[in-house]
Amino acid sequence: TNSVESALTMLAHGRVELFASNVRNTEP
């Protein structure tokens, strides 16, 4: 996917089990 926002949404809605990212970009 193209953004942290969309990846986190996919994770939260159960479309994936894991999101690979960096802590700095994801925590905010």
mmCIF file of all heavy atoms, coordinates in Angstrom:
data_MODEL
# 
_entry.id   MODEL 
# 
loop_
_atom_site.group_PDB 
_atom_site.id 
_atom_site.type_symbol 
_atom_site.label_atom_id 
_atom_site.label_alt_id 
_atom_site.label_comp_id 
_atom_site.label_asym_id 
_atom_site.label_entity_id 
_atom_site.label_seq_id 
_atom_site.pdbx_PDB_ins_code 
_atom_site.Cartn_x 
_atom_site.Cartn_y 
_atom_site.Cartn_z 
_atom_site.occupancy 
_atom_site.B_iso_or_equiv 
_atom_site.pdbx_formal_charge 
_atom_site.auth_seq_id 
_atom_site.auth_comp_id 
_atom_site.auth_asym_id 
_atom_site.auth_atom_id 
_atom_site.pdbx_PDB_model_num 
ATOM 1   N N   . THR A 1 1  ? 0.849   -1.185  0.000  1.00 0.00 ? 1  THR A N   1 
ATOM 2   C CA  . THR A 1 1  ? 0.000   0.000   0.000  1.00 0.00 ? 1  THR A CA  1 
ATOM 3   C C   . THR A 1 1  ? 0.887   1.237   0.000  1.00 0.00 ? 1  THR A C   1 
ATOM 4   O O   . THR A 1 1  ? 2.108   1.133   0.130  1.00 0.00 ? 1  THR A O   1 
ATOM 5   C CB  . THR A 1 1  ? -0.963  -0.009  1.199  1.00 0.00 ? 1  THR A CB  1 
ATOM 6   O OG1 . THR A 1 1  ? -1.942  1.019   1.030  1.00 0.00 ? 1  THR A OG1 1 
ATOM 7   C CG2 . THR A 1 1  ? -0.218  0.205   2.514  1.00 0.00 ? 1  THR A CG2 1 
ATOM 8   N N   . ASN A 1 2  ? 0.268   2.401   -0.130 1.00 0.00 ? 2  ASN A N   1 
ATOM 9   C CA  . ASN A 1 2  ? 1.053   3.620   -0.361 1.00 0.00 ? 2  ASN A CA  1 
ATOM 10  C C   . ASN A 1 2  ? 1.230   4.504   0.852  1.00 0.00 ? 2  ASN A C   1 
ATOM 11  O O   . ASN A 1 2  ? 1.928   5.519   0.761  1.00 0.00 ? 2  ASN A O   1 
ATOM 12  C CB  . ASN A 1 2  ? 0.417   4.443   -1.489 1.00 0.00 ? 2  ASN A CB  1 
ATOM 13  C CG  . ASN A 1 2  ? 0.595   3.789   -2.841 1.00 0.00 ? 2  ASN A CG  1 
ATOM 14  O OD1 . ASN A 1 2  ? 1.651   3.253   -3.149 1.00 0.00 ? 2  ASN A OD1 1 
ATOM 15  N ND2 . ASN A 1 2  ? -0.452  3.818   -3.654 1.00 0.00 ? 2  ASN A ND2 1 
ATOM 16  N N   . SER A 1 3  ? 0.632   4.167   1.979  1.00 0.00 ? 3  SER A N   1 
ATOM 17  C CA  . SER A 1 3  ? 0.760   5.048   3.133  1.00 0.00 ? 3  SER A CA  1 
ATOM 18  C C   . SER A 1 3  ? 0.655   4.271   4.433  1.00 0.00 ? 3  SER A C   1 
ATOM 19  O O   . SER A 1 3  ? 0.049   3.183   4.480  1.00 0.00 ? 3  SER A O   1 
ATOM 20  C CB  . SER A 1 3  ? -0.311  6.148   3.112  1.00 0.00 ? 3  SER A CB  1 
ATOM 21  O OG  . SER A 1 3  ? -1.591  5.600   3.377  1.00 0.00 ? 3  SER A OG  1 
ATOM 22  N N   . VAL A 1 4  ? 1.226   4.840   5.485  1.00 0.00 ? 4  VAL A N   1 
ATOM 23  C CA  . VAL A 1 4  ? 1.107   4.249   6.814  1.00 0.00 ? 4  VAL A CA  1 
ATOM 24  C C   . VAL A 1 4  ? -0.349  4.212   7.242  1.00 0.00 ? 4  VAL A C   1 
ATOM 25  O O   . VAL A 1 4  ? -0.811  3.242   7.863  1.00 0.00 ? 4  VAL A O   1 
ATOM 26  C CB  . VAL A 1 4  ? 1.972   5.042   7.819  1.00 0.00 ? 4  VAL A CB  1 
ATOM 27  C CG1 . VAL A 1 4  ? 1.712   4.583   9.248  1.00 0.00 ? 4  VAL A CG1 1 
ATOM 28  C CG2 . VAL A 1 4  ? 3.455   4.902   7.482  1.00 0.00 ? 4  VAL A CG2 1 
ATOM 29  N N   . GLU A 1 5  ? -1.102  5.264   6.917  1.00 0.00 ? 5  GLU A N   1 
ATOM 30  C CA  . GLU A 1 5  ? -2.511  5.321   7.301  1.00 0.00 ? 5  GLU A CA  1 
ATOM 31  C C   . GLU A 1 5  ? -3.296  4.150   6.715  1.00 0.00 ? 5  GLU A C   1 
ATOM 32  O O   . GLU A 1 5  ? -4.068  3.493   7.418  1.00 0.00 ? 5  GLU A O   1 
ATOM 33  C CB  . GLU A 1 5  ? -3.129  6.646   6.836  1.00 0.00 ? 5  GLU A CB  1 
ATOM 34  C CG  . GLU A 1 5  ? -2.637  7.868   7.579  1.00 0.00 ? 5  GLU A CG  1 
ATOM 35  C CD  . GLU A 1 5  ? -1.338  8.424   7.028  1.00 0.00 ? 5  GLU A CD  1 
ATOM 36  O OE1 . GLU A 1 5  ? -0.718  7.790   6.148  1.00 0.00 ? 5  GLU A OE1 1 
ATOM 37  O OE2 . GLU A 1 5  ? -0.917  9.507   7.483  1.00 0.00 ? 5  GLU A OE2 1 
ATOM 38  N N   . SER A 1 6  ? -3.092  3.892   5.425  1.00 0.00 ? 6  SER A N   1 
ATOM 39  C CA  . SER A 1 6  ? -3.851  2.799   4.809  1.00 0.00 ? 6  SER A CA  1 
ATOM 40  C C   . SER A 1 6  ? -3.404  1.447   5.345  1.00 0.00 ? 6  SER A C   1 
ATOM 41  O O   . SER A 1 6  ? -4.230  0.536   5.532  1.00 0.00 ? 6  SER A O   1 
ATOM 42  C CB  . SER A 1 6  ? -3.714  2.854   3.285  1.00 0.00 ? 6  SER A CB  1 
ATOM 43  O OG  . SER A 1 6  ? -2.376  2.658   2.876  1.00 0.00 ? 6  SER A OG  1 
ATOM 44  N N   . ALA A 1 7  ? -2.101  1.294   5.626  1.00 0.00 ? 7  ALA A N   1 
ATOM 45  C CA  . ALA A 1 7  ? -1.601  0.023   6.166  1.00 0.00 ? 7  ALA A CA  1 
ATOM 46  C C   . ALA A 1 7  ? -2.169  -0.240  7.559  1.00 0.00 ? 7  ALA A C   1 
ATOM 47  O O   . ALA A 1 7  ? -2.587  -1.365  7.874  1.00 0.00 ? 7  ALA A O   1 
ATOM 48  C CB  . ALA A 1 7  ? -0.079  0.039   6.208  1.00 0.00 ? 7  ALA A CB  1 
ATOM 49  N N   . LEU A 1 8  ? -2.183  0.787   8.406  1.00 0.00 ? 8  LEU A N   1 
ATOM 50  C CA  . LEU A 1 8  ? -2.744  0.618   9.752  1.00 0.00 ? 8  LEU A CA  1 
ATOM 51  C C   . LEU A 1 8  ? -4.237  0.308   9.690  1.00 0.00 ? 8  LEU A C   1 
ATOM 52  O O   . LEU A 1 8  ? -4.747  -0.482  10.498 1.00 0.00 ? 8  LEU A O   1 
ATOM 53  C CB  . LEU A 1 8  ? -2.495  1.874   10.580 1.00 0.00 ? 8  LEU A CB  1 
ATOM 54  C CG  . LEU A 1 8  ? -1.086  2.046   11.132 1.00 0.00 ? 8  LEU A CG  1 
ATOM 55  C CD1 . LEU A 1 8  ? -0.919  3.433   11.757 1.00 0.00 ? 8  LEU A CD1 1 
ATOM 56  C CD2 . LEU A 1 8  ? -0.758  0.971   12.168 1.00 0.00 ? 8  LEU A CD2 1 
ATOM 57  N N   . THR A 1 9  ? -4.938  0.916   8.743  1.00 0.00 ? 9  THR A N   1 
ATOM 58  C CA  . THR A 1 9  ? -6.366  0.639   8.587  1.00 0.00 ? 9  THR A CA  1 
ATOM 59  C C   . THR A 1 9  ? -6.586  -0.813  8.171  1.00 0.00 ? 9  THR A C   1 
ATOM 60  O O   . THR A 1 9  ? -7.486  -1.494  8.686  1.00 0.00 ? 9  THR A O   1 
ATOM 61  C CB  . THR A 1 9  ? -6.983  1.591   7.552  1.00 0.00 ? 9  THR A CB  1 
ATOM 62  O OG1 . THR A 1 9  ? -6.817  2.945   8.004  1.00 0.00 ? 9  THR A OG1 1 
ATOM 63  C CG2 . THR A 1 9  ? -8.465  1.308   7.360  1.00 0.00 ? 9  THR A CG2 1 
ATOM 64  N N   . MET A 1 10 ? -5.756  -1.294  7.246  1.00 0.00 ? 10 MET A N   1 
ATOM 65  C CA  . MET A 1 10 ? -5.846  -2.699  6.831  1.00 0.00 ? 10 MET A CA  1 
ATOM 66  C C   . MET A 1 10 ? -5.603  -3.625  8.020  1.00 0.00 ? 10 MET A C   1 
ATOM 67  O O   . MET A 1 10 ? -6.302  -4.628  8.195  1.00 0.00 ? 10 MET A O   1 
ATOM 68  C CB  . MET A 1 10 ? -4.830  -2.980  5.724  1.00 0.00 ? 10 MET A CB  1 
ATOM 69  C CG  . MET A 1 10 ? -5.138  -2.304  4.404  1.00 0.00 ? 10 MET A CG  1 
ATOM 70  S SD  . MET A 1 10 ? -3.792  -2.492  3.197  1.00 0.00 ? 10 MET A SD  1 
ATOM 71  C CE  . MET A 1 10 ? -3.855  -4.267  2.882  1.00 0.00 ? 10 MET A CE  1 
ATOM 72  N N   . LEU A 1 11 ? -4.611  -3.288  8.828  1.00 0.00 ? 11 LEU A N   1 
ATOM 73  C CA  . LEU A 1 11 ? -4.305  -4.101  10.001 1.00 0.00 ? 11 LEU A CA  1 
ATOM 74  C C   . LEU A 1 11 ? -5.460  -4.083  10.997 1.00 0.00 ? 11 LEU A C   1 
ATOM 75  O O   . LEU A 1 11 ? -5.896  -5.133  11.488 1.00 0.00 ? 11 LEU A O   1 
ATOM 76  C CB  . LEU A 1 11 ? -3.019  -3.590  10.650 1.00 0.00 ? 11 LEU A CB  1 
ATOM 77  C CG  . LEU A 1 11 ? -2.572  -4.295  11.934 1.00 0.00 ? 11 LEU A CG  1 
ATOM 78  C CD1 . LEU A 1 11 ? -2.242  -5.759  11.663 1.00 0.00 ? 11 LEU A CD1 1 
ATOM 79  C CD2 . LEU A 1 11 ? -1.364  -3.566  12.546 1.00 0.00 ? 11 LEU A CD2 1 
ATOM 80  N N   . ALA A 1 12 ? -5.956  -2.895  11.302 1.00 0.00 ? 12 ALA A N   1 
ATOM 81  C CA  . ALA A 1 12 ? -7.020  -2.766  12.303 1.00 0.00 ? 12 ALA A CA  1 
ATOM 82  C C   . ALA A 1 12 ? -8.288  -3.489  11.884 1.00 0.00 ? 12 ALA A C   1 
ATOM 83  O O   . ALA A 1 12 ? -9.018  -4.025  12.731 1.00 0.00 ? 12 ALA A O   1 
ATOM 84  C CB  . ALA A 1 12 ? -7.312  -1.286  12.554 1.00 0.00 ? 12 ALA A CB  1 
ATOM 85  N N   . HIS A 1 13 ? -8.567  -3.522  10.569 1.00 0.00 ? 13 HIS A N   1 
ATOM 86  C CA  . HIS A 1 13 ? -9.792  -4.152  10.073 1.00 0.00 ? 13 HIS A CA  1 
ATOM 87  C C   . HIS A 1 13 ? -9.612  -5.641  9.782  1.00 0.00 ? 13 HIS A C   1 
ATOM 88  O O   . HIS A 1 13 ? -10.542 -6.281  9.275  1.00 0.00 ? 13 HIS A O   1 
ATOM 89  C CB  . HIS A 1 13 ? -10.276 -3.436  8.817  1.00 0.00 ? 13 HIS A CB  1 
ATOM 90  C CG  . HIS A 1 13 ? -10.791 -2.060  9.084  1.00 0.00 ? 13 HIS A CG  1 
ATOM 91  N ND1 . HIS A 1 13 ? -11.141 -1.174  8.085  1.00 0.00 ? 13 HIS A ND1 1 
ATOM 92  C CD2 . HIS A 1 13 ? -11.011 -1.401  10.259 1.00 0.00 ? 13 HIS A CD2 1 
ATOM 93  C CE1 . HIS A 1 13 ? -11.561 -0.038  8.625  1.00 0.00 ? 13 HIS A CE1 1 
ATOM 94  N NE2 . HIS A 1 13 ? -11.493 -0.151  9.951  1.00 0.00 ? 13 HIS A NE2 1 
ATOM 95  N N   . GLY A 1 14 ? -8.433  -6.176  10.081 1.00 0.00 ? 14 GLY A N   1 
ATOM 96  C CA  . GLY A 1 14 ? -8.220  -7.602  9.938  1.00 0.00 ? 14 GLY A CA  1 
ATOM 97  C C   . GLY A 1 14 ? -7.936  -8.071  8.526  1.00 0.00 ? 14 GLY A C   1 
ATOM 98  O O   . GLY A 1 14 ? -7.956  -9.279  8.260  1.00 0.00 ? 14 GLY A O   1 
ATOM 99  N N   . ARG A 1 15 ? -7.652  -7.154  7.625  1.00 0.00 ? 15 ARG A N   1 
ATOM 100 C CA  . ARG A 1 15 ? -7.328  -7.564  6.255  1.00 0.00 ? 15 ARG A CA  1 
ATOM 101 C C   . ARG A 1 15 ? -5.924  -8.145  6.169  1.00 0.00 ? 15 ARG A C   1 
ATOM 102 O O   . ARG A 1 15 ? -5.598  -8.871  5.226  1.00 0.00 ? 15 ARG A O   1 
ATOM 103 C CB  . ARG A 1 15 ? -7.488  -6.379  5.308  1.00 0.00 ? 15 ARG A CB  1 
ATOM 104 C CG  . ARG A 1 15 ? -8.929  -5.913  5.152  1.00 0.00 ? 15 ARG A CG  1 
ATOM 105 C CD  . ARG A 1 15 ? -9.020  -4.590  4.419  1.00 0.00 ? 15 ARG A CD  1 
ATOM 106 N NE  . ARG A 1 15 ? -8.380  -4.644  3.116  1.00 0.00 ? 15 ARG A NE  1 
ATOM 107 C CZ  . ARG A 1 15 ? -8.145  -3.550  2.369  1.00 0.00 ? 15 ARG A CZ  1 
ATOM 108 N NH1 . ARG A 1 15 ? -8.484  -2.356  2.829  1.00 0.00 ? 15 ARG A NH1 1 
ATOM 109 N NH2 . ARG A 1 15 ? -7.563  -3.674  1.200  1.00 0.00 ? 15 ARG A NH2 1 
ATOM 110 N N   . VAL A 1 16 ? -5.062  -7.804  7.129  1.00 0.00 ? 16 VAL A N   1 
ATOM 111 C CA  . VAL A 1 16 ? -3.727  -8.403  7.252  1.00 0.00 ? 16 VAL A CA  1 
ATOM 112 C C   . VAL A 1 16 ? -3.489  -8.683  8.730  1.00 0.00 ? 16 VAL A C   1 
ATOM 113 O O   . VAL A 1 16 ? -4.168  -8.128  9.603  1.00 0.00 ? 16 VAL A O   1 
ATOM 114 C CB  . VAL A 1 16 ? -2.614  -7.475  6.693  1.00 0.00 ? 16 VAL A CB  1 
ATOM 115 C CG1 . VAL A 1 16 ? -2.765  -7.268  5.191  1.00 0.00 ? 16 VAL A CG1 1 
ATOM 116 C CG2 . VAL A 1 16 ? -2.594  -6.140  7.436  1.00 0.00 ? 16 VAL A CG2 1 
ATOM 117 N N   . GLU A 1 17 ? -2.510  -9.547  8.996  1.00 0.00 ? 17 GLU A N   1 
ATOM 118 C CA  . GLU A 1 17 ? -2.146  -9.832  10.382 1.00 0.00 ? 17 GLU A CA  1 
ATOM 119 C C   . GLU A 1 17 ? -0.978  -8.995  10.867 1.00 0.00 ? 17 GLU A C   1 
ATOM 120 O O   . GLU A 1 17 ? -0.844  -8.743  12.073 1.00 0.00 ? 17 GLU A O   1 
ATOM 121 C CB  . GLU A 1 17 ? -1.779  -11.308 10.556 1.00 0.00 ? 17 GLU A CB  1 
ATOM 122 C CG  . GLU A 1 17 ? -2.957  -12.243 10.654 1.00 0.00 ? 17 GLU A CG  1 
ATOM 123 C CD  . GLU A 1 17 ? -3.382  -12.762 9.289  1.00 0.00 ? 17 GLU A CD  1 
ATOM 124 O OE1 . GLU A 1 17 ? -2.523  -12.884 8.404  1.00 0.00 ? 17 GLU A OE1 1 
ATOM 125 O OE2 . GLU A 1 17 ? -4.570  -13.039 9.126  1.00 0.00 ? 17 GLU A OE2 1 
ATOM 126 N N   . LEU A 1 18 ? -0.126  -8.558  9.929  1.00 0.00 ? 18 LEU A N   1 
ATOM 127 C CA  . LEU A 1 18 ? 1.076   -7.826  10.310 1.00 0.00 ? 18 LEU A CA  1 
ATOM 128 C C   . LEU A 1 18 ? 1.317   -6.673  9.343  1.00 0.00 ? 18 LEU A C   1 
ATOM 129 O O   . LEU A 1 18 ? 1.039   -6.770  8.144  1.00 0.00 ? 18 LEU A O   1 
ATOM 130 C CB  . LEU A 1 18 ? 2.306   -8.748  10.289 1.00 0.00 ? 18 LEU A CB  1 
ATOM 131 C CG  . LEU A 1 18 ? 2.332   -9.919  11.274 1.00 0.00 ? 18 LEU A CG  1 
ATOM 132 C CD1 . LEU A 1 18 ? 3.508   -10.832 10.967 1.00 0.00 ? 18 LEU A CD1 1 
ATOM 133 C CD2 . LEU A 1 18 ? 2.383   -9.418  12.709 1.00 0.00 ? 18 LEU A CD2 1 
ATOM 134 N N   . PHE A 1 19 ? 1.843   -5.593  9.890  1.00 0.00 ? 19 PHE A N   1 
ATOM 135 C CA  . PHE A 1 19 ? 2.254   -4.421  9.118  1.00 0.00 ? 19 PHE A CA  1 
ATOM 136 C C   . PHE A 1 19 ? 3.727   -4.175  9.395  1.00 0.00 ? 19 PHE A C   1 
ATOM 137 O O   . PHE A 1 19 ? 4.115   -3.967  10.538 1.00 0.00 ? 19 PHE A O   1 
ATOM 138 C CB  . PHE A 1 19 ? 1.405   -3.212  9.509  1.00 0.00 ? 19 PHE A CB  1 
ATOM 139 C CG  . PHE A 1 19 ? 1.917   -1.886  9.004  1.00 0.00 ? 19 PHE A CG  1 
ATOM 140 C CD1 . PHE A 1 19 ? 2.525   -1.754  7.765  1.00 0.00 ? 19 PHE A CD1 1 
ATOM 141 C CD2 . PHE A 1 19 ? 1.772   -0.733  9.784  1.00 0.00 ? 19 PHE A CD2 1 
ATOM 142 C CE1 . PHE A 1 19 ? 2.998   -0.529  7.303  1.00 0.00 ? 19 PHE A CE1 1 
ATOM 143 C CE2 . PHE A 1 19 ? 2.229   0.496   9.336  1.00 0.00 ? 19 PHE A CE2 1 
ATOM 144 C CZ  . PHE A 1 19 ? 2.842   0.603   8.095  1.00 0.00 ? 19 PHE A CZ  1 
ATOM 145 N N   . ALA A 1 20 ? 4.561   -4.229  8.351  1.00 0.00 ? 20 ALA A N   1 
ATOM 146 C CA  . ALA A 1 20 ? 5.993   -3.976  8.494  1.00 0.00 ? 20 ALA A CA  1 
ATOM 147 C C   . ALA A 1 20 ? 6.257   -2.499  8.253  1.00 0.00 ? 20 ALA A C   1 
ATOM 148 O O   . ALA A 1 20 ? 5.959   -1.970  7.181  1.00 0.00 ? 20 ALA A O   1 
ATOM 149 C CB  . ALA A 1 20 ? 6.788   -4.828  7.509  1.00 0.00 ? 20 ALA A CB  1 
ATOM 150 N N   . SER A 1 21 ? 6.830   -1.834  9.258  1.00 0.00 ? 21 SER A N   1 
ATOM 151 C CA  . SER A 1 21 ? 7.030   -0.393  9.173  1.00 0.00 ? 21 SER A CA  1 
ATOM 152 C C   . SER A 1 21 ? 8.149   0.014   10.107 1.00 0.00 ? 21 SER A C   1 
ATOM 153 O O   . SER A 1 21 ? 8.764   -0.825  10.772 1.00 0.00 ? 21 SER A O   1 
ATOM 154 C CB  . SER A 1 21 ? 5.737   0.341   9.549  1.00 0.00 ? 21 SER A CB  1 
ATOM 155 O OG  . SER A 1 21 ? 5.842   1.735   9.342  1.00 0.00 ? 21 SER A OG  1 
ATOM 156 N N   . ASN A 1 22 ? 8.423   1.318   10.147 1.00 0.00 ? 22 ASN A N   1 
ATOM 157 C CA  . ASN A 1 22 ? 9.352   1.814   11.154 1.00 0.00 ? 22 ASN A CA  1 
ATOM 158 C C   . ASN A 1 22 ? 8.577   2.521   12.262 1.00 0.00 ? 22 ASN A C   1 
ATOM 159 O O   . ASN A 1 22 ? 7.491   3.055   12.045 1.00 0.00 ? 22 ASN A O   1 
ATOM 160 C CB  . ASN A 1 22 ? 10.439  2.710   10.544 1.00 0.00 ? 22 ASN A CB  1 
ATOM 161 C CG  . ASN A 1 22 ? 9.908   4.014   9.997  1.00 0.00 ? 22 ASN A CG  1 
ATOM 162 O OD1 . ASN A 1 22 ? 9.374   4.829   10.715 1.00 0.00 ? 22 ASN A OD1 1 
ATOM 163 N ND2 . ASN A 1 22 ? 10.062  4.219   8.688  1.00 0.00 ? 22 ASN A ND2 1 
ATOM 164 N N   . VAL A 1 23 ? 9.146   2.489   13.436 1.00 0.00 ? 23 VAL A N   1 
ATOM 165 C CA  . VAL A 1 23 ? 8.478   3.026   14.619 1.00 0.00 ? 23 VAL A CA  1 
ATOM 166 C C   . VAL A 1 23 ? 8.239   4.527   14.478 1.00 0.00 ? 23 VAL A C   1 
ATOM 167 O O   . VAL A 1 23 ? 7.157   5.034   14.806 1.00 0.00 ? 23 VAL A O   1 
ATOM 168 C CB  . VAL A 1 23 ? 9.305   2.712   15.879 1.00 0.00 ? 23 VAL A CB  1 
ATOM 169 C CG1 . VAL A 1 23 ? 8.686   3.375   17.111 1.00 0.00 ? 23 VAL A CG1 1 
ATOM 170 C CG2 . VAL A 1 23 ? 9.422   1.198   16.089 1.00 0.00 ? 23 VAL A CG2 1 
ATOM 171 N N   . ARG A 1 24 ? 9.235   5.253   13.971 1.00 0.00 ? 24 ARG A N   1 
ATOM 172 C CA  . ARG A 1 24 ? 9.147   6.711   13.911 1.00 0.00 ? 24 ARG A CA  1 
ATOM 173 C C   . ARG A 1 24 ? 7.979   7.186   13.057 1.00 0.00 ? 24 ARG A C   1 
ATOM 174 O O   . ARG A 1 24 ? 7.250   8.115   13.425 1.00 0.00 ? 24 ARG A O   1 
ATOM 175 C CB  . ARG A 1 24 ? 10.463  7.278   13.360 1.00 0.00 ? 24 ARG A CB  1 
ATOM 176 C CG  . ARG A 1 24 ? 10.453  8.790   13.134 1.00 0.00 ? 24 ARG A CG  1 
ATOM 177 C CD  . ARG A 1 24 ? 11.718  9.250   12.417 1.00 0.00 ? 24 ARG A CD  1 
ATOM 178 N NE  . ARG A 1 24 ? 11.995  8.427   11.249 1.00 0.00 ? 24 ARG A NE  1 
ATOM 179 C CZ  . ARG A 1 24 ? 11.362  8.568   10.076 1.00 0.00 ? 24 ARG A CZ  1 
ATOM 180 N NH1 . ARG A 1 24 ? 10.437  9.496   9.914  1.00 0.00 ? 24 ARG A NH1 1 
ATOM 181 N NH2 . ARG A 1 24 ? 11.667  7.780   9.065  1.00 0.00 ? 24 ARG A NH2 1 
ATOM 182 N N   . ASN A 1 25 ? 7.779   6.570   11.892 1.00 0.00 ? 25 ASN A N   1 
ATOM 183 C CA  . ASN A 1 25 ? 6.697   6.990   11.012 1.00 0.00 ? 25 ASN A CA  1 
ATOM 184 C C   . ASN A 1 25 ? 5.326   6.503   11.477 1.00 0.00 ? 25 ASN A C   1 
ATOM 185 O O   . ASN A 1 25 ? 4.312   7.104   11.130 1.00 0.00 ? 25 ASN A O   1 
ATOM 186 C CB  . ASN A 1 25 ? 6.943   6.461   9.587  1.00 0.00 ? 25 ASN A CB  1 
ATOM 187 C CG  . ASN A 1 25 ? 7.630   7.476   8.702  1.00 0.00 ? 25 ASN A CG  1 
ATOM 188 O OD1 . ASN A 1 25 ? 7.287   8.650   8.707  1.00 0.00 ? 25 ASN A OD1 1 
ATOM 189 N ND2 . ASN A 1 25 ? 8.614   7.036   7.949  1.00 0.00 ? 25 ASN A ND2 1 
ATOM 190 N N   . THR A 1 26 ? 5.306   5.421   12.231 1.00 0.00 ? 26 THR A N   1 
ATOM 191 C CA  . THR A 1 26 ? 4.028   4.787   12.565 1.00 0.00 ? 26 THR A CA  1 
ATOM 192 C C   . THR A 1 26 ? 3.416   5.321   13.850 1.00 0.00 ? 26 THR A C   1 
ATOM 193 O O   . THR A 1 26 ? 2.193   5.555   13.913 1.00 0.00 ? 26 THR A O   1 
ATOM 194 C CB  . THR A 1 26 ? 4.218   3.258   12.661 1.00 0.00 ? 26 THR A CB  1 
ATOM 195 O OG1 . THR A 1 26 ? 4.829   2.788   11.447 1.00 0.00 ? 26 THR A OG1 1 
ATOM 196 C CG2 . THR A 1 26 ? 2.896   2.557   12.855 1.00 0.00 ? 26 THR A CG2 1 
ATOM 197 N N   . GLU A 1 27 ? 4.217   5.517   14.873 1.00 0.00 ? 27 GLU A N   1 
ATOM 198 C CA  . GLU A 1 27 ? 3.673   5.921   16.172 1.00 0.00 ? 27 GLU A CA  1 
ATOM 199 C C   . GLU A 1 27 ? 2.828   7.196   16.104 1.00 0.00 ? 27 GLU A C   1 
ATOM 200 O O   . GLU A 1 27 ? 1.783   7.258   16.761 1.00 0.00 ? 27 GLU A O   1 
ATOM 201 C CB  . GLU A 1 27 ? 4.799   6.062   17.183 1.00 0.00 ? 27 GLU A CB  1 
ATOM 202 C CG  . GLU A 1 27 ? 5.323   4.716   17.693 1.00 0.00 ? 27 GLU A CG  1 
ATOM 203 C CD  . GLU A 1 27 ? 6.347   4.859   18.795 1.00 0.00 ? 27 GLU A CD  1 
ATOM 204 O OE1 . GLU A 1 27 ? 6.933   5.956   18.921 1.00 0.00 ? 27 GLU A OE1 1 
ATOM 205 O OE2 . GLU A 1 27 ? 6.562   3.872   19.539 1.00 0.00 ? 27 GLU A OE2 1 
ATOM 206 N N   . PRO A 1 28 ? 3.226   8.242   15.339 1.00 0.00 ? 28 PRO A N   1 
ATOM 207 C CA  . PRO A 1 28 ? 2.377   9.448   15.320 1.00 0.00 ? 28 PRO A CA  1 
ATOM 208 C C   . PRO A 1 28 ? 1.027   9.243   14.655 1.00 0.00 ? 28 PRO A C   1 
ATOM 209 O O   . PRO A 1 28 ? 0.090   10.008  14.910 1.00 0.00 ? 28 PRO A O   1 
ATOM 210 C CB  . PRO A 1 28 ? 3.233   10.460  14.534 1.00 0.00 ? 28 PRO A CB  1 
ATOM 211 C CG  . PRO A 1 28 ? 4.623   9.939   14.566 1.00 0.00 ? 28 PRO A CG  1 
ATOM 212 C CD  . PRO A 1 28 ? 4.485   8.458   14.600 1.00 0.00 ? 28 PRO A CD  1 
# 
